[in-house]
Amino acid sequence: MPSQVVHYIIQYETQVPIQQYGEPSAFYGKLSHLNFAILISGPNGTYIVTTPIVNPIVLEGYTPSYVLNNLDQFPQIVQAS
């Protein structure tokens, strides 16, 4: 990933509060952490799904386009969102 994108995701996870929690997502839970993030960018905009709940192993072997086109086939992502 380009360093600009990495910086943006880290900034989002450490500075933008979760509405229900009042703190950034990296501070949600007993130990501070960086979340797993899926960045989707295309002609209709850029979207970030960021959560500590989705294990990246769930996506192992899939292409980014497959994941994007089949998000509803990944219950871990659906539940996290």
Protein backbone atom coordinates (compact mmCIF):
# COMPACT_ATOMS: atom_id res chain seq x y z
CA MET A 1 0.00 0.00 0.00
CA PRO A 2 1.17 3.53 -0.62
CA SER A 3 2.38 5.22 2.56
CA GLN A 4 -0.27 7.95 2.16
CA VAL A 5 -3.02 5.34 2.38
CA VAL A 6 -1.43 3.64 5.39
CA HIS A 7 -1.12 7.01 7.13
CA TYR A 8 -4.77 7.81 6.41
CA ILE A 9 -6.01 4.48 7.82
CA ILE A 10 -3.84 4.83 10.95
CA GLN A 11 -5.10 8.39 11.42
CA TYR A 12 -8.71 7.26 10.99
CA GLU A 13 -8.30 4.41 13.50
CA THR A 14 -6.51 6.51 16.13
CA GLN A 15 -8.25 9.91 15.87
CA VAL A 16 -11.87 9.45 14.69
CA PRO A 17 -14.20 8.46 17.54
CA ILE A 18 -16.74 5.65 17.20
CA GLN A 19 -20.16 7.25 17.81
CA GLN A 20 -21.36 4.66 20.31
CA TYR A 21 -18.03 4.44 22.14
CA GLY A 22 -16.70 8.00 22.07
CA GLU A 23 -13.11 6.90 21.39
CA PRO A 24 -11.26 5.93 18.21
CA SER A 25 -11.50 2.27 17.24
CA ALA A 26 -7.86 1.54 18.12
CA PHE A 27 -8.73 2.24 21.76
CA TYR A 28 -11.88 0.10 21.79
CA GLY A 29 -11.26 -2.88 24.05
CA LYS A 30 -8.87 -3.63 26.87
CA LEU A 31 -5.66 -3.25 24.83
CA SER A 32 -5.01 -0.57 22.25
CA HIS A 33 -4.58 -2.04 18.78
CA LEU A 34 -4.67 -1.27 15.08
CA ASN A 35 -7.61 -2.77 13.32
CA PHE A 36 -7.89 -4.85 10.21
CA ALA A 37 -8.94 -2.55 7.36
CA ILE A 38 -10.39 -3.11 3.93
CA LEU A 39 -9.98 -0.11 1.64
CA ILE A 40 -12.22 -0.06 -1.41
CA SER A 41 -11.60 2.67 -3.95
CA GLY A 42 -13.19 3.13 -7.33
CA PRO A 43 -15.07 5.53 -9.59
CA ASN A 44 -17.91 5.92 -7.05
CA GLY A 45 -15.68 6.88 -4.12
CA THR A 46 -13.50 5.36 -1.45
CA TYR A 47 -14.79 3.30 1.44
CA ILE A 48 -13.06 1.86 4.48
CA VAL A 49 -14.27 -1.08 6.53
CA THR A 50 -12.17 -1.06 9.67
CA THR A 51 -12.72 -3.46 12.51
CA PRO A 52 -10.84 -5.58 15.00
CA ILE A 53 -13.40 -8.34 14.47
CA VAL A 54 -12.44 -9.60 10.99
CA ASN A 55 -9.43 -11.88 10.88
CA PRO A 56 -7.49 -11.28 7.63
CA ILE A 57 -7.11 -15.04 7.21
CA VAL A 58 -10.80 -15.07 6.22
CA LEU A 59 -9.82 -13.31 2.97
CA GLU A 60 -6.78 -15.44 2.21
CA GLY A 61 -6.73 -16.61 -1.41
CA TYR A 62 -9.35 -14.12 -2.64
CA THR A 63 -8.62 -11.23 -4.98
CA PRO A 64 -9.64 -7.70 -3.91
CA SER A 65 -12.19 -7.56 -6.75
CA TYR A 66 -13.75 -10.85 -5.62
CA VAL A 67 -14.07 -9.58 -2.05
CA LEU A 68 -15.55 -6.27 -3.25
CA ASN A 69 -18.10 -7.99 -5.48
CA ASN A 70 -19.02 -10.61 -2.86
CA LEU A 71 -18.95 -8.77 0.47
CA ASP A 72 -22.26 -10.34 1.45
CA GLN A 73 -20.64 -13.79 1.18
CA PHE A 74 -18.33 -13.03 4.12
CA PRO A 75 -20.45 -13.15 7.30
CA GLN A 76 -17.51 -11.85 9.35
CA ILE A 77 -17.45 -8.62 7.31
CA VAL A 78 -21.25 -8.28 7.34
CA GLN A 79 -21.40 -8.72 11.12
CA ALA A 80 -18.50 -6.33 11.69
CA SER A 81 -20.05 -3.60 9.60
